[in-house]
Amino acid sequence: LLSVESVSKSYPENPVLESVSLGMDSRDRIGVIGRNGSGKSTLLRLIAGVEEVDSGQIIRSSGIRVSALVQDPTFDQGVSVHDVLGDDRRAIATADRLGVTSGPVDVMSGGQKKRLALAVALSTECDLLILDEPTNHLDVETIDWLEDHLVNRSSGLLLVTHDRYLLDRVATRIVEVHEKDLYSHDGTYEDYLTERGRRDALEVASEHRRKQLLRTELEWLRRSPKARTTKAQYRVDRAKELAAAPGRRPPRVLEVDLPSRRIGSKVVDLDNVSKRFGDRTVLCDVTLKLSPDARVGMVGPIGAGKTTLLRLLDGRLEPDAGSVEMGTTIATGWYGQDPRSINPGTRVIDAVREVAEHTKLESGVKVSAGQLLERFMFDRGIQSAAVGELSGGERRRLELLLVLMEAPNFLILDEPTNDLDLDTLAILEEYLDGWAGALVVATHDRYFLNRVCDVVMSIEPTGTLRHHPGGWTEYWEMHKTSKSSASKPSGSKKRSPSQSSTPSKLTVTYNDKKEFKSLAAKIRQLESEKARLSAQLECVGTDYSEATRLAEALGDVTDELESAETRWLELAERIEAAG
């Protein structure tokens, strides 16, 4: 497909890539990983042709078709969703599957724009698909669908993602961006981790051996001055070489050693809380009592009310009904989706100094603002940079530091994994294991939910809260079972043997073509029914029984529509591949 040859790229006072090379063929599904600010997104933009290289070249196959999702997509002013998608059935179905249907793009949130751009990228015929953090702003069910979609694609794939489950299932090769260079590893993400552990262990052993040899030679030099004849000169020379050789610098890692405050027995209690926006009831009769050691994960579709619930817990939002009572010892730390309000021109070190000039760590050591930043992977050069010059991941890491510096004992995390690199996530997860406080997190990151949260609570279509004490595994198994039951309506005809057998990817039967045509009409009908029920639900007001009925009907229609669209996309890809 393409060849990256000795490519370099720099920004003012910041060399990102230096003489890197990479080859990619049509069968490759490459996951690109690396620390925040290492150059992952830069590499993708260069390969996509969005940016130009400073030196070197990228040779692309003749006629290669590239479809790309950049990290922060933009659209022309004044366009609508229809203007972006046109009448392309596949693009419309994909956008609907991602929760984007209609309306002006200018008023959309950043998440909605990202999903619209993802729909365009996925539905565009291409030889190489480039995706930069495609799971940001998706719910867990949509990520599961995206996984299946990417696994079944025949095009090449170049992917940056913090979703470890998706990375491990989709990628067949891992490329690590490290210290301005690229390191390629064949195999899955799990294979890469195994190899990296082996590599790190060898480097440690090699450095230990070098130091042992140096000690031996120095000891010989000190004890045997008379033996330093010409015949023994080689030992003198070897000792000098060992002493002059630079030691292997251990890889820098994020150090989180920030304390929390004492926490009392009462954290926060919600009693029959409801919240509406206009005529739409988002949360209904929610009762929740958090323990001091709570580890709760909130899940639900996009727009279900997860962030609304977190804002109620934090006191940023008042309920329309019910009560919210917070314990007297509680100091909340809010780490939300929206960027913290920091003047873009503020230097990184000044942003930290505004919170504290010095900070006492959990270990009792007192460190300066600069030392604390170094522990969070900001070297002295970056500390003097303006906040507006940071990459998306670096900005998120800085905001995490500012939250933890205030020593909260109740952490509220709203999509905390967005834009953080995989090493930072692993260290954050380990820190939260031993952190003394209560934690509530809303995230689409299935690995993070499984790793950190003991309990999962799902927001149901009716606005109520459902408790899953078995955590992520219990919730997901129950969800898949209910979806499977919903997709098999009673009285449906059994498939004929020819339909139930699984044809090869390139086999398209007469029944497949017939089904493909009928699905298009069925999808239009279901879309109309979904829009009708959604409009009725928004106008239902406070009639709880009617709201429940409409929500259940809307859920059934949505499930049927998603199943039909998934099948339509599957057939469309098979028909296209068969020519």
Protein backbone atom coordinates (compact mmCIF):
# COMPACT_ATOMS: atom_id res chain seq x y z
CA LEU A 1 0.00 0.00 0.00
CA LEU A 2 2.64 2.52 1.01
CA SER A 3 6.18 3.03 2.22
CA VAL A 4 7.37 5.66 4.69
CA GLU A 5 11.03 6.33 3.96
CA SER A 6 13.32 8.33 6.28
CA VAL A 7 10.57 10.78 7.19
CA SER A 8 11.17 13.61 9.67
CA LYS A 9 8.68 16.07 11.10
CA SER A 10 9.15 18.92 13.54
CA TYR A 11 7.10 21.71 15.02
CA PRO A 12 8.61 24.91 16.49
CA GLU A 13 11.24 23.77 19.03
CA ASN A 14 9.72 20.27 19.05
CA PRO A 15 11.13 17.53 16.80
CA VAL A 16 8.52 14.75 16.72
CA LEU A 17 9.77 12.18 14.19
CA GLU A 18 13.36 11.76 12.99
CA SER A 19 14.17 9.71 9.89
CA VAL A 20 11.47 7.08 10.53
CA SER A 21 10.55 4.32 8.07
CA LEU A 22 7.55 2.02 7.84
CA GLY A 23 6.13 -0.33 5.22
CA MET A 24 2.47 -1.35 5.00
CA ASP A 25 0.68 -3.83 2.75
CA SER A 26 -3.00 -4.43 2.07
CA ARG A 27 -3.30 -7.14 4.74
CA ASP A 28 -1.88 -5.06 7.58
CA ARG A 29 -4.02 -3.92 10.50
CA ILE A 30 -1.61 -1.75 12.45
CA GLY A 31 -2.20 -0.37 15.92
CA VAL A 32 -0.05 2.69 16.63
CA ILE A 33 0.82 3.25 20.30
CA GLY A 34 3.08 5.59 22.25
CA ARG A 35 3.15 8.17 25.00
CA ASN A 36 1.10 11.36 24.77
CA GLY A 37 2.94 13.84 22.54
CA SER A 38 5.18 11.13 21.03
CA GLY A 39 3.89 11.74 17.50
CA LYS A 40 1.16 9.12 16.93
CA SER A 41 -1.37 11.55 15.47
CA THR A 42 1.37 13.30 13.51
CA LEU A 43 2.32 10.00 11.87
CA LEU A 44 -1.30 9.34 10.90
CA ARG A 45 -1.76 12.84 9.46
CA LEU A 46 1.40 12.51 7.40
CA ILE A 47 0.36 9.14 5.96
CA ALA A 48 -3.15 10.46 5.27
CA GLY A 49 -1.65 13.43 3.41
CA VAL A 50 -3.23 15.96 5.77
CA GLU A 51 0.26 17.32 6.61
CA GLU A 52 3.50 17.46 4.64
CA VAL A 53 6.76 15.84 5.73
CA ASP A 54 9.80 18.02 6.47
CA SER A 55 12.16 15.52 4.86
CA GLY A 56 12.03 12.01 3.45
CA GLN A 57 9.11 10.71 1.43
CA ILE A 58 5.92 8.65 1.62
CA ILE A 59 5.45 6.49 -1.48
CA ARG A 60 1.84 5.40 -2.04
CA SER A 61 0.61 2.74 -4.46
CA SER A 62 -0.85 4.08 -7.66
CA GLY A 63 -4.55 4.82 -7.29
CA ILE A 64 -4.61 4.05 -3.56
CA ARG A 65 -7.82 5.23 -1.87
CA VAL A 66 -7.41 6.54 1.67
CA SER A 67 -10.19 7.33 4.14
CA ALA A 68 -9.17 9.03 7.38
CA LEU A 69 -10.64 10.07 10.72
CA VAL A 70 -8.44 12.72 12.36
CA GLN A 71 -8.36 13.37 16.09
CA ASP A 72 -10.31 16.64 15.96
CA PRO A 73 -12.42 16.73 12.77
CA THR A 74 -13.79 19.99 11.38
CA PHE A 75 -16.57 20.75 8.88
CA ASP A 76 -17.44 23.71 6.68
CA GLN A 77 -19.55 26.41 8.27
CA GLY A 78 -23.30 26.16 7.75
CA VAL A 79 -23.47 22.53 6.57
CA SER A 80 -26.05 20.00 7.76
CA VAL A 81 -25.72 16.28 8.40
CA HIS A 82 -27.49 15.67 5.07
CA ASP A 83 -24.96 17.91 3.29
CA VAL A 84 -22.13 15.81 4.74
CA LEU A 85 -23.66 12.38 4.09
CA GLY A 86 -25.62 13.08 0.91
CA ASP A 87 -27.95 10.28 -0.19
CA ASP A 88 -25.39 7.50 0.34
CA ARG A 89 -27.40 4.70 1.97
CA ARG A 90 -24.32 3.19 3.61
CA ALA A 91 -23.21 6.55 5.09
CA ILE A 92 -26.72 7.28 6.39
CA ALA A 93 -27.03 3.82 7.97
CA THR A 94 -23.58 4.07 9.56
CA ALA A 95 -24.30 7.55 10.92
CA ASP A 96 -27.60 6.37 12.36
CA ARG A 97 -25.80 3.41 13.97
CA LEU A 98 -23.45 5.95 15.57
CA GLY A 99 -26.34 8.07 16.83
CA VAL A 100 -26.15 10.93 14.30
CA THR A 101 -29.26 11.50 12.20
CA SER A 102 -29.95 15.10 11.21
CA GLY A 103 -29.50 18.78 12.00
CA PRO A 104 -26.95 21.57 11.48
CA VAL A 105 -23.35 20.57 12.18
CA ASP A 106 -22.40 23.97 13.65
CA VAL A 107 -24.47 23.39 16.81
CA MET A 108 -23.17 19.85 17.37
CA SER A 109 -20.95 18.94 20.31
CA GLY A 110 -17.39 17.78 19.70
CA GLY A 111 -18.50 14.19 20.30
CA GLN A 112 -21.30 14.39 17.72
CA LYS A 113 -18.92 15.84 15.14
CA LYS A 114 -16.44 13.05 15.82
CA ARG A 115 -19.14 10.40 15.32
CA LEU A 116 -20.28 12.07 12.08
CA ALA A 117 -16.70 12.11 10.79
CA LEU A 118 -16.33 8.45 11.82
CA ALA A 119 -19.48 7.56 9.84
CA VAL A 120 -18.00 9.24 6.74
CA ALA A 121 -14.65 7.46 7.18
CA LEU A 122 -16.21 4.01 7.68
CA SER A 123 -18.63 4.31 4.76
CA THR A 124 -16.09 5.62 2.24
CA GLU A 125 -14.73 2.95 -0.12
CA CYS A 126 -10.98 2.77 0.43
CA ASP A 127 -7.85 0.63 0.35
CA LEU A 128 -6.51 2.10 3.60
CA LEU A 129 -8.61 3.21 6.57
CA ILE A 130 -6.91 5.55 9.06
CA LEU A 131 -8.59 6.08 12.44
CA ASP A 132 -7.33 8.35 15.23
CA GLU A 133 -9.10 7.54 18.53
CA PRO A 134 -12.34 6.29 16.93
CA THR A 135 -13.85 5.08 20.23
CA ASN A 136 -13.89 8.53 21.85
CA HIS A 137 -17.53 9.59 22.42
CA LEU A 138 -18.95 6.13 21.65
CA ASP A 139 -20.87 3.96 24.11
CA VAL A 140 -19.72 0.40 24.88
CA GLU A 141 -22.31 -1.25 22.64
CA THR A 142 -21.27 0.84 19.65
CA ILE A 143 -17.60 0.06 20.33
CA ASP A 144 -18.49 -3.64 20.27
CA TRP A 145 -20.16 -3.11 16.89
CA LEU A 146 -17.13 -1.14 15.65
CA GLU A 147 -14.84 -4.01 16.66
CA ASP A 148 -16.84 -6.46 14.55
CA HIS A 149 -16.92 -4.01 11.65
CA LEU A 150 -13.14 -3.49 11.64
CA VAL A 151 -12.36 -7.21 11.99
CA ASN A 152 -14.53 -7.98 8.95
CA ARG A 153 -13.13 -5.22 6.70
CA SER A 154 -10.86 -6.25 3.85
CA SER A 155 -8.99 -2.92 3.61
CA GLY A 156 -5.72 -2.07 5.36
CA LEU A 157 -6.09 -0.36 8.74
CA LEU A 158 -3.93 2.16 10.61
CA LEU A 159 -5.33 2.81 14.07
CA VAL A 160 -4.58 4.89 17.17
CA THR A 161 -6.74 3.97 20.15
CA HIS A 162 -6.59 3.78 23.95
CA ASP A 163 -9.15 0.94 23.94
CA ARG A 164 -7.06 -2.10 24.84
CA TYR A 165 -9.77 -4.67 24.11
CA LEU A 166 -10.33 -3.25 20.62
CA LEU A 167 -6.59 -2.96 19.98
CA ASP A 168 -5.92 -6.55 21.01
CA ARG A 169 -8.76 -7.96 18.89
CA VAL A 170 -8.30 -5.84 15.75
CA ALA A 171 -4.57 -5.18 15.33
CA THR A 172 -2.28 -7.80 13.81
CA ARG A 173 0.80 -5.60 14.17
CA ILE A 174 1.81 -2.97 16.73
CA VAL A 175 3.96 0.06 15.88
CA GLU A 176 5.35 1.93 18.88
CA VAL A 177 6.29 5.61 18.53
CA HIS A 178 9.12 6.16 21.01
CA GLU A 179 11.71 8.94 21.25
CA LYS A 180 11.13 10.14 17.65
CA ASP A 181 11.50 6.64 16.18
CA LEU A 182 9.21 3.72 15.21
CA TYR A 183 9.43 0.16 16.54
CA SER A 184 7.36 -2.53 14.82
CA HIS A 185 6.11 -5.69 16.55
CA ASP A 186 4.26 -8.47 14.70
CA GLY A 187 1.25 -9.90 16.51
CA THR A 188 -1.49 -8.65 18.81
CA TYR A 189 -1.26 -6.05 21.57
CA GLU A 190 -0.94 -8.87 24.10
CA ASP A 191 1.99 -10.28 22.09
CA TYR A 192 3.56 -6.80 22.11
CA LEU A 193 3.24 -6.52 25.90
CA THR A 194 4.89 -9.92 26.33
CA GLU A 195 7.74 -8.95 24.01
CA ARG A 196 8.14 -5.55 25.65
CA GLY A 197 8.38 -7.17 29.09
CA ARG A 198 11.06 -9.51 27.77
CA ARG A 199 12.92 -6.59 26.14
CA ASP A 200 12.83 -4.49 29.31
CA ALA A 201 14.08 -7.45 31.37
CA LEU A 202 16.99 -7.99 28.94
CA GLU A 203 17.93 -4.31 29.11
CA VAL A 204 17.92 -4.39 32.91
CA ALA A 205 20.03 -7.58 32.89
CA SER A 206 22.45 -6.07 30.36
CA GLU A 207 22.92 -2.93 32.45
CA HIS A 208 23.38 -5.03 35.60
CA ARG A 209 26.06 -7.08 33.80
CA ARG A 210 27.85 -3.90 32.62
CA LYS A 211 27.99 -2.54 36.16
CA GLN A 212 29.25 -5.88 37.50
CA LEU A 213 32.07 -5.95 34.94
CA LEU A 214 32.95 -2.36 35.73
CA ARG A 215 33.17 -3.11 39.45
CA THR A 216 35.37 -6.16 38.76
CA GLU A 217 37.77 -4.24 36.55
CA LEU A 218 38.00 -1.28 38.93
CA GLU A 219 38.69 -3.66 41.81
CA TRP A 220 41.48 -5.28 39.81
CA LEU A 221 42.98 -1.89 38.98
CA ARG A 222 42.95 -0.84 42.64
CA ARG A 223 44.40 -4.11 44.02
CA SER A 224 47.03 -4.88 41.38
CA PRO A 225 49.05 -1.74 40.58
CA LYS A 226 52.21 -3.80 39.92
CA ALA A 227 50.37 -6.04 37.46
CA ARG A 228 49.66 -3.16 35.08
CA THR A 229 52.24 -4.28 32.54
CA THR A 230 51.87 -3.96 28.79
CA LYS A 231 50.35 -7.46 28.71
CA ALA A 232 47.56 -6.31 31.09
CA GLN A 233 46.91 -3.04 29.28
CA TYR A 234 43.81 -4.52 27.65
CA ARG A 235 42.19 -4.74 31.10
CA VAL A 236 42.96 -1.09 31.77
CA ASP A 237 41.46 -0.18 28.41
CA ARG A 238 38.37 -2.33 29.07
CA ALA A 239 37.80 -0.67 32.42
CA LYS A 240 38.01 2.75 30.79
CA GLU A 241 35.54 1.69 28.07
CA LEU A 242 33.08 0.31 30.61
CA ALA A 243 33.31 3.47 32.70
CA ALA A 244 32.85 5.72 29.66
CA ALA A 245 29.95 3.73 28.17
CA PRO A 246 26.61 5.44 28.81
CA GLY A 247 24.37 3.38 31.06
CA ARG A 248 20.97 2.34 29.78
CA ARG A 249 18.57 5.00 30.94
CA PRO A 250 15.49 3.39 32.48
CA PRO A 251 12.28 4.38 30.67
CA ARG A 252 10.49 7.30 32.22
CA VAL A 253 7.23 6.42 33.88
CA LEU A 254 4.44 8.46 35.37
CA GLU A 255 4.74 8.65 39.17
CA VAL A 256 1.44 9.17 41.01
CA ASP A 257 2.09 9.57 44.74
CA LEU A 258 -0.52 12.15 45.67
CA PRO A 259 -2.51 11.80 48.90
CA SER A 260 -6.23 11.96 49.58
CA ARG A 261 -8.00 13.47 52.61
CA ARG A 262 -9.66 11.57 55.41
CA ILE A 263 -13.15 10.46 54.43
CA GLY A 264 -16.11 10.00 56.76
CA SER A 265 -18.80 7.34 56.67
CA LYS A 266 -21.13 9.43 54.50
CA VAL A 267 -20.17 10.28 50.94
CA VAL A 268 -23.30 11.29 49.04
CA ASP A 269 -26.92 10.09 49.13
CA LEU A 270 -29.44 10.47 46.32
CA ASP A 271 -33.05 9.92 47.31
CA ASN A 272 -35.71 9.56 44.57
CA VAL A 273 -33.91 12.06 42.36
CA SER A 274 -35.39 13.05 38.99
CA LYS A 275 -34.07 15.44 36.35
CA ARG A 276 -35.72 16.79 33.21
CA PHE A 277 -34.51 18.96 30.37
CA GLY A 278 -37.53 20.57 28.75
CA ASP A 279 -40.15 17.87 28.27
CA ARG A 280 -37.60 15.05 28.38
CA THR A 281 -37.13 13.11 31.62
CA VAL A 282 -33.48 12.01 31.78
CA LEU A 283 -33.37 10.52 35.28
CA CYS A 284 -36.38 9.22 37.18
CA ASP A 285 -36.63 8.26 40.87
CA VAL A 286 -32.92 7.50 41.24
CA THR A 287 -31.84 6.39 44.72
CA LEU A 288 -28.15 5.82 45.39
CA LYS A 289 -26.01 5.68 48.53
CA LEU A 290 -22.24 5.59 48.08
CA SER A 291 -19.89 3.95 50.59
CA PRO A 292 -16.47 5.49 51.47
CA ASP A 293 -14.67 2.80 49.45
CA ALA A 294 -17.08 2.77 46.50
CA ARG A 295 -15.78 1.84 43.04
CA VAL A 296 -18.81 2.41 40.80
CA GLY A 297 -18.93 2.45 36.99
CA MET A 298 -21.82 4.15 35.17
CA VAL A 299 -22.85 2.82 31.75
CA GLY A 300 -25.58 3.56 29.24
CA PRO A 301 -26.11 4.71 25.66
CA ILE A 302 -24.96 8.13 24.49
CA GLY A 303 -27.37 10.71 25.90
CA ALA A 304 -28.74 8.34 28.56
CA GLY A 305 -27.84 10.75 31.37
CA LYS A 306 -24.48 9.54 32.70
CA THR A 307 -22.90 13.00 32.83
CA THR A 308 -26.14 14.43 34.26
CA LEU A 309 -25.98 11.91 37.10
CA LEU A 310 -22.32 12.74 37.78
CA ARG A 311 -23.12 16.46 37.88
CA LEU A 312 -25.91 15.78 40.39
CA LEU A 313 -23.47 13.81 42.56
CA ASP A 314 -20.99 16.69 42.45
CA GLY A 315 -23.58 19.39 43.22
CA ARG A 316 -23.02 21.09 39.85
CA LEU A 317 -26.67 20.44 39.01
CA GLU A 318 -29.82 20.65 41.10
CA PRO A 319 -32.48 17.91 40.85
CA ASP A 320 -36.05 18.70 39.81
CA ALA A 321 -37.33 16.26 42.41
CA GLY A 322 -35.81 14.31 45.30
CA SER A 323 -32.76 15.23 47.35
CA VAL A 324 -28.96 15.07 47.19
CA GLU A 325 -27.05 15.08 50.49
CA MET A 326 -23.25 15.16 50.64
CA GLY A 327 -21.13 14.18 53.67
CA THR A 328 -19.42 16.95 55.64
CA THR A 329 -15.90 15.56 55.08
CA ILE A 330 -16.22 15.23 51.31
CA ALA A 331 -13.80 17.03 48.99
CA THR A 332 -14.75 16.28 45.39
CA GLY A 333 -12.30 15.97 42.53
CA TRP A 334 -13.98 16.44 39.12
CA TYR A 335 -12.18 15.12 36.02
CA GLY A 336 -14.63 15.73 33.19
CA GLN A 337 -14.84 15.44 29.42
CA ASP A 338 -14.74 19.18 28.83
CA PRO A 339 -11.33 20.87 29.14
CA ARG A 340 -10.59 22.65 32.41
CA SER A 341 -10.69 26.44 32.08
CA ILE A 342 -7.02 27.41 31.67
CA ASN A 343 -5.81 30.39 29.65
CA PRO A 344 -4.07 28.88 26.58
CA GLY A 345 -1.20 31.33 27.06
CA THR A 346 -0.49 30.21 30.63
CA ARG A 347 2.78 28.34 31.06
CA VAL A 348 2.39 24.73 32.19
CA ILE A 349 4.38 25.30 35.38
CA ASP A 350 2.33 28.41 36.23
CA ALA A 351 -0.90 26.41 35.91
CA VAL A 352 0.44 24.05 38.57
CA ARG A 353 1.74 26.87 40.77
CA GLU A 354 -1.74 28.39 40.83
CA VAL A 355 -2.85 25.29 42.77
CA ALA A 356 0.29 24.97 44.95
CA GLU A 357 3.97 26.01 44.89
CA HIS A 358 4.90 22.88 46.86
CA THR A 359 3.06 19.60 47.38
CA LYS A 360 3.52 16.95 50.06
CA LEU A 361 3.40 13.45 48.56
CA GLU A 362 1.88 10.33 50.10
CA SER A 363 5.43 9.25 51.00
CA GLY A 364 5.90 12.43 53.06
CA VAL A 365 8.37 14.01 50.62
CA LYS A 366 7.73 17.66 49.76
CA VAL A 367 8.27 18.56 46.09
CA SER A 368 8.17 21.76 44.07
CA ALA A 369 5.78 22.42 41.20
CA GLY A 370 8.56 21.64 38.70
CA GLN A 371 9.48 18.37 40.43
CA LEU A 372 5.84 17.33 40.53
CA LEU A 373 5.50 18.02 36.81
CA GLU A 374 8.58 15.89 36.12
CA ARG A 375 6.92 13.03 38.00
CA PHE A 376 3.98 13.47 35.62
CA MET A 377 6.23 13.22 32.54
CA PHE A 378 6.59 16.95 31.84
CA ASP A 379 10.28 17.72 31.38
CA ARG A 380 11.66 21.21 31.96
CA GLY A 381 11.28 22.19 28.32
CA ILE A 382 7.56 21.40 28.26
CA GLN A 383 7.05 23.07 31.66
CA SER A 384 7.88 26.42 30.06
CA ALA A 385 5.52 25.85 27.13
CA ALA A 386 2.07 27.39 26.94
CA VAL A 387 -0.86 25.15 27.82
CA GLY A 388 -2.33 25.83 24.37
CA GLU A 389 0.73 24.19 22.76
CA LEU A 390 0.21 20.82 24.47
CA SER A 391 -1.13 17.79 22.61
CA GLY A 392 -4.60 16.53 23.54
CA GLY A 393 -3.14 13.75 25.69
CA GLU A 394 -0.64 16.04 27.41
CA ARG A 395 -3.43 18.48 28.23
CA ARG A 396 -5.50 15.66 29.77
CA ARG A 397 -2.51 14.50 31.82
CA LEU A 398 -1.98 18.04 33.13
CA GLU A 399 -5.65 18.32 34.09
CA LEU A 400 -5.45 14.99 35.93
CA LEU A 401 -2.48 16.30 37.92
CA LEU A 402 -4.34 19.50 38.84
CA VAL A 403 -7.31 17.46 40.12
CA LEU A 404 -5.17 15.07 42.21
CA MET A 405 -3.10 17.93 43.66
CA GLU A 406 -6.19 19.13 45.56
CA ALA A 407 -6.22 15.83 47.54
CA PRO A 408 -9.87 14.87 46.93
CA ASN A 409 -11.47 11.96 48.76
CA PHE A 410 -14.34 11.58 46.27
CA LEU A 411 -13.29 11.28 42.63
CA ILE A 412 -15.82 11.76 39.82
CA LEU A 413 -14.38 10.76 36.46
CA ASP A 414 -16.30 11.48 33.26
CA GLU A 415 -14.66 9.62 30.35
CA PRO A 416 -11.22 9.75 32.02
CA THR A 417 -9.46 7.56 29.44
CA ASN A 418 -10.07 9.89 26.47
CA ASP A 419 -6.72 10.82 24.88
CA LEU A 420 -4.56 9.31 27.66
CA ASP A 421 -1.84 6.93 26.49
CA LEU A 422 -1.84 3.26 27.47
CA ASP A 423 1.08 3.48 29.92
CA THR A 424 -0.57 6.39 31.75
CA LEU A 425 -3.84 4.46 31.96
CA ALA A 426 -2.10 1.42 33.45
CA ILE A 427 -0.41 3.56 36.12
CA LEU A 428 -3.64 5.45 36.89
CA GLU A 429 -5.49 2.14 37.32
CA GLU A 430 -2.82 0.88 39.70
CA TYR A 431 -2.96 4.15 41.68
CA LEU A 432 -6.74 3.93 42.03
CA ASP A 433 -6.40 0.37 43.39
CA GLY A 434 -4.79 1.72 46.54
CA TRP A 435 -6.35 5.16 46.62
CA ALA A 436 -8.30 5.81 49.84
CA GLY A 437 -11.57 7.36 48.75
CA ALA A 438 -14.82 6.88 46.85
CA LEU A 439 -14.85 6.71 43.06
CA VAL A 440 -17.62 7.04 40.48
CA VAL A 441 -16.67 6.81 36.81
CA ALA A 442 -18.59 7.05 33.55
CA THR A 443 -16.53 5.60 30.73
CA HIS A 444 -16.79 3.72 27.45
CA ASP A 445 -13.44 2.00 28.19
CA ARG A 446 -14.41 -1.59 28.91
CA TYR A 447 -10.95 -2.55 30.16
CA PHE A 448 -10.94 0.37 32.63
CA LEU A 449 -14.42 -0.57 33.89
CA ASN A 450 -13.39 -4.20 34.35
CA ARG A 451 -10.08 -3.27 36.00
CA VAL A 452 -11.20 -0.49 38.37
CA CYS A 453 -14.92 -0.84 39.18
CA ASP A 454 -16.40 -3.40 41.58
CA VAL A 455 -19.97 -2.43 40.73
CA VAL A 456 -21.59 -1.28 37.49
CA MET A 457 -24.85 0.69 37.32
CA SER A 458 -26.70 1.13 34.06
CA ILE A 459 -29.09 3.95 33.19
CA GLU A 460 -32.17 2.35 31.68
CA PRO A 461 -34.33 3.86 28.88
CA THR A 462 -36.90 4.85 31.52
CA GLY A 463 -34.31 6.98 33.37
CA THR A 464 -34.03 4.56 36.27
CA LEU A 465 -30.80 3.10 37.64
CA ARG A 466 -30.07 -0.64 37.55
CA HIS A 467 -27.53 -2.23 39.87
CA HIS A 468 -25.06 -4.91 38.64
CA PRO A 469 -23.04 -6.09 41.67
CA GLY A 470 -20.97 -8.45 39.50
CA GLY A 471 -19.35 -5.51 37.73
CA TRP A 472 -18.68 -5.14 34.03
CA THR A 473 -18.69 -8.88 33.24
CA GLU A 474 -22.14 -9.42 34.75
CA TYR A 475 -23.56 -6.32 33.05
CA TRP A 476 -22.22 -7.18 29.61
CA GLU A 477 -23.33 -10.82 29.73
CA MET A 478 -26.83 -9.73 30.77
CA HIS A 479 -26.89 -7.05 28.06
CA LYS A 480 -25.84 -9.47 25.32
CA THR A 481 -28.44 -12.00 26.45
CA SER A 482 -31.24 -9.43 26.40
CA LYS A 483 -30.13 -8.14 22.97
CA SER A 484 -30.03 -11.68 21.61
CA SER A 485 -33.56 -12.34 22.86
CA ALA A 486 -34.84 -9.05 21.42
CA SER A 487 -33.40 -9.87 17.99
CA LYS A 488 -35.41 -13.12 17.82
CA PRO A 489 -39.10 -12.13 17.68
CA SER A 490 -41.59 -14.88 18.35
CA GLY A 491 -43.25 -16.38 15.31
CA SER A 492 -40.42 -15.45 12.96
CA LYS A 493 -39.77 -17.89 10.15
CA LYS A 494 -36.80 -20.17 10.38
CA ARG A 495 -34.14 -19.66 7.80
CA SER A 496 -33.80 -22.21 5.08
CA PRO A 497 -30.63 -24.32 5.13
CA SER A 498 -29.15 -22.20 2.36
CA GLN A 499 -29.68 -19.06 4.43
CA SER A 500 -28.49 -20.45 7.75
CA SER A 501 -25.27 -21.84 6.37
CA THR A 502 -22.43 -19.35 6.48
CA PRO A 503 -21.17 -18.60 2.97
CA SER A 504 -17.63 -17.49 2.30
CA LYS A 505 -16.96 -13.77 2.30
CA LEU A 506 -17.09 -13.53 -1.47
CA THR A 507 -20.18 -15.72 -1.95
CA VAL A 508 -23.39 -13.79 -2.68
CA THR A 509 -26.54 -15.85 -3.15
CA TYR A 510 -29.82 -14.86 -4.79
CA ASN A 511 -31.41 -14.77 -1.33
CA ASP A 512 -28.67 -12.39 -0.12
CA LYS A 513 -29.45 -9.94 -2.94
CA LYS A 514 -33.18 -10.21 -2.28
CA GLU A 515 -32.65 -9.63 1.45
CA PHE A 516 -30.37 -6.66 0.72
CA LYS A 517 -33.11 -4.90 -1.28
CA SER A 518 -35.83 -5.59 1.27
CA LEU A 519 -33.66 -4.36 4.14
CA ALA A 520 -33.37 -0.88 2.61
CA ALA A 521 -37.17 -0.49 2.69
CA LYS A 522 -37.37 -1.97 6.18
CA ILE A 523 -34.72 0.44 7.48
CA ARG A 524 -36.62 3.46 6.13
CA GLN A 525 -39.78 2.22 7.82
CA LEU A 526 -38.02 1.64 11.15
CA GLU A 527 -36.35 5.06 10.98
CA SER A 528 -39.75 6.71 10.59
CA GLU A 529 -41.15 4.72 13.51
CA LYS A 530 -38.14 5.58 15.67
CA ALA A 531 -38.52 9.30 14.90
CA ARG A 532 -42.26 9.14 15.72
CA LEU A 533 -41.71 7.42 19.07
CA SER A 534 -38.84 9.77 19.97
CA ALA A 535 -41.05 12.80 19.32
CA GLN A 536 -43.86 11.35 21.46
CA LEU A 537 -41.42 10.54 24.29
CA GLU A 538 -40.11 14.10 24.35
CA CYS A 539 -43.65 15.46 24.74
CA VAL A 540 -44.93 12.94 27.29
CA GLY A 541 -44.24 15.21 30.26
CA THR A 542 -44.65 13.68 33.74
CA ASP A 543 -46.87 10.71 32.78
CA TYR A 544 -44.52 7.99 34.05
CA SER A 545 -46.54 4.98 32.83
CA GLU A 546 -46.84 6.41 29.31
CA ALA A 547 -43.14 7.33 29.32
CA THR A 548 -42.30 3.76 30.29
CA ARG A 549 -44.46 2.32 27.50
CA LEU A 550 -42.97 4.63 24.88
CA ALA A 551 -39.42 4.02 26.09
CA GLU A 552 -39.86 0.27 25.84
CA ALA A 553 -41.38 0.57 22.37
CA LEU A 554 -38.57 2.89 21.30
CA GLY A 555 -36.00 0.43 22.66
CA ASP A 556 -37.53 -2.44 20.68
CA VAL A 557 -37.59 -0.39 17.46
CA THR A 558 -34.03 0.82 18.03
CA ASP A 559 -32.81 -2.74 18.56
CA GLU A 560 -34.57 -3.92 15.41
CA LEU A 561 -33.19 -0.97 13.42
CA GLU A 562 -29.63 -1.61 14.61
CA SER A 563 -29.95 -5.28 13.70
CA ALA A 564 -31.28 -4.41 10.24
CA GLU A 565 -28.55 -1.80 9.62
CA THR A 566 -25.81 -4.16 10.76
CA ARG A 567 -27.11 -6.86 8.41
CA TRP A 568 -27.45 -4.33 5.55
CA LEU A 569 -23.84 -3.18 6.02
CA GLU A 570 -22.62 -6.78 6.17
CA LEU A 571 -24.38 -7.64 2.91
CA ALA A 572 -23.24 -4.41 1.25
CA GLU A 573 -19.59 -5.25 2.02
CA ARG A 574 -20.02 -8.83 0.78
CA ILE A 575 -21.71 -7.73 -2.45
CA GLU A 576 -19.02 -5.10 -3.02
CA ALA A 577 -16.21 -7.63 -2.39
CA ALA A 578 -17.81 -10.11 -4.79
CA GLY A 579 -17.86 -7.45 -7.49
